[in-house]
Protein backbone atom coordinates (compact mmCIF):
# COMPACT_ATOMS: atom_id res chain seq x y z
CA MET A 1 23.25 12.30 54.57
CA LYS A 2 24.40 13.39 57.70
CA THR A 3 23.25 17.08 58.98
CA THR A 4 23.78 19.71 61.73
CA HIS A 5 20.47 20.56 64.19
CA TYR A 6 20.94 24.05 62.17
CA PHE A 7 20.16 22.37 59.13
CA VAL A 8 17.23 20.85 59.86
CA SER A 9 15.14 23.15 62.23
CA SER A 10 16.48 26.30 59.97
CA VAL A 11 17.65 25.97 56.82
CA MET A 12 14.93 23.21 55.65
CA THR A 13 12.21 25.21 57.09
CA ARG A 14 13.09 27.85 55.29
CA ARG A 15 13.93 26.46 51.96
CA PRO A 16 11.23 23.26 51.66
CA TYR A 17 11.52 23.08 48.14
CA LEU A 18 15.37 21.73 48.29
CA LYS A 19 15.48 17.77 47.56
CA VAL A 20 18.02 15.69 49.16
CA GLU A 21 19.09 14.47 45.94
CA TRP A 22 20.49 17.76 44.78
CA ILE A 23 22.48 18.17 47.75
CA GLU A 24 23.97 14.91 47.48
CA TYR A 25 24.57 15.73 44.25
CA VAL A 26 26.50 18.71 45.08
CA LEU A 27 29.05 16.54 47.33
CA SER A 28 29.89 14.18 44.96
CA ASN A 29 29.79 16.34 41.75
CA SER A 30 31.17 19.69 42.95
CA ILE A 31 32.85 22.10 39.84
CA ARG A 32 34.25 24.57 42.97
CA THR A 33 35.21 23.77 46.77
CA GLU A 34 36.56 26.56 48.74
CA VAL A 35 37.42 26.40 52.79
CA GLN A 36 36.14 28.85 54.77
CA ALA A 37 38.23 30.51 57.53
CA ASN A 38 36.09 28.83 59.85
CA GLY A 39 36.76 25.62 58.34
CA ARG A 40 33.87 24.95 56.98
CA ILE A 41 33.47 23.67 53.09
CA ARG A 42 31.63 25.22 50.23
CA ARG A 43 30.68 23.21 47.15
CA TRP A 44 28.89 24.28 43.95
CA ALA A 45 27.11 22.32 41.17
CA PHE A 46 24.54 22.89 38.44
CA ILE A 47 20.79 22.08 39.41
CA SER A 48 19.16 22.23 35.88
CA GLU A 49 15.69 21.12 37.82
CA LEU A 50 16.28 24.46 39.78
CA GLY A 51 18.15 26.28 37.19
CA LYS A 52 20.80 27.65 39.46
CA TYR A 53 24.06 26.42 40.98
CA LEU A 54 23.27 25.54 44.59
CA ARG A 55 25.68 26.16 47.40
CA VAL A 56 26.31 23.25 50.11
CA VAL A 57 27.89 24.26 52.95
CA THR A 58 29.60 21.04 55.22
CA GLU A 59 30.87 21.18 58.55
CA PRO A 60 35.09 20.65 58.33
CA ASP A 61 34.41 16.98 58.39
CA GLY A 62 33.03 17.41 55.07
CA GLU A 63 30.13 15.26 55.01
CA THR A 64 27.92 16.73 57.92
CA VAL A 65 25.58 19.21 55.88
CA HIS A 66 24.92 22.47 57.50
CA ASN A 67 23.44 25.06 55.05
CA THR A 68 22.57 24.92 51.50
CA PHE A 69 21.03 27.54 49.20
CA PRO A 70 21.04 28.85 45.53
CA GLY A 71 24.11 30.54 44.65
CA ARG A 72 22.89 33.83 43.36
CA ARG A 73 26.41 35.62 42.87
CA PHE A 74 28.04 32.54 41.71
CA LYS A 75 29.98 32.52 38.46
CA PRO A 76 31.69 29.29 37.12
């Protein structure tokens, strides 16, 4: 899994409970995808172990993970 420096240094430090397999699951099984104005791509999928939808934001290439967090307000 490709990641940005921000993801490694900031996101995983603040959210150590996140699992790589969850992120990979969202990337390959998203139920919704949106492109942000800056070209980054948002994807969501439900993670049963977390009990919530996880949002994964990638760079415009669709592969490099930039951010991820539970989607508190996400409605499928």
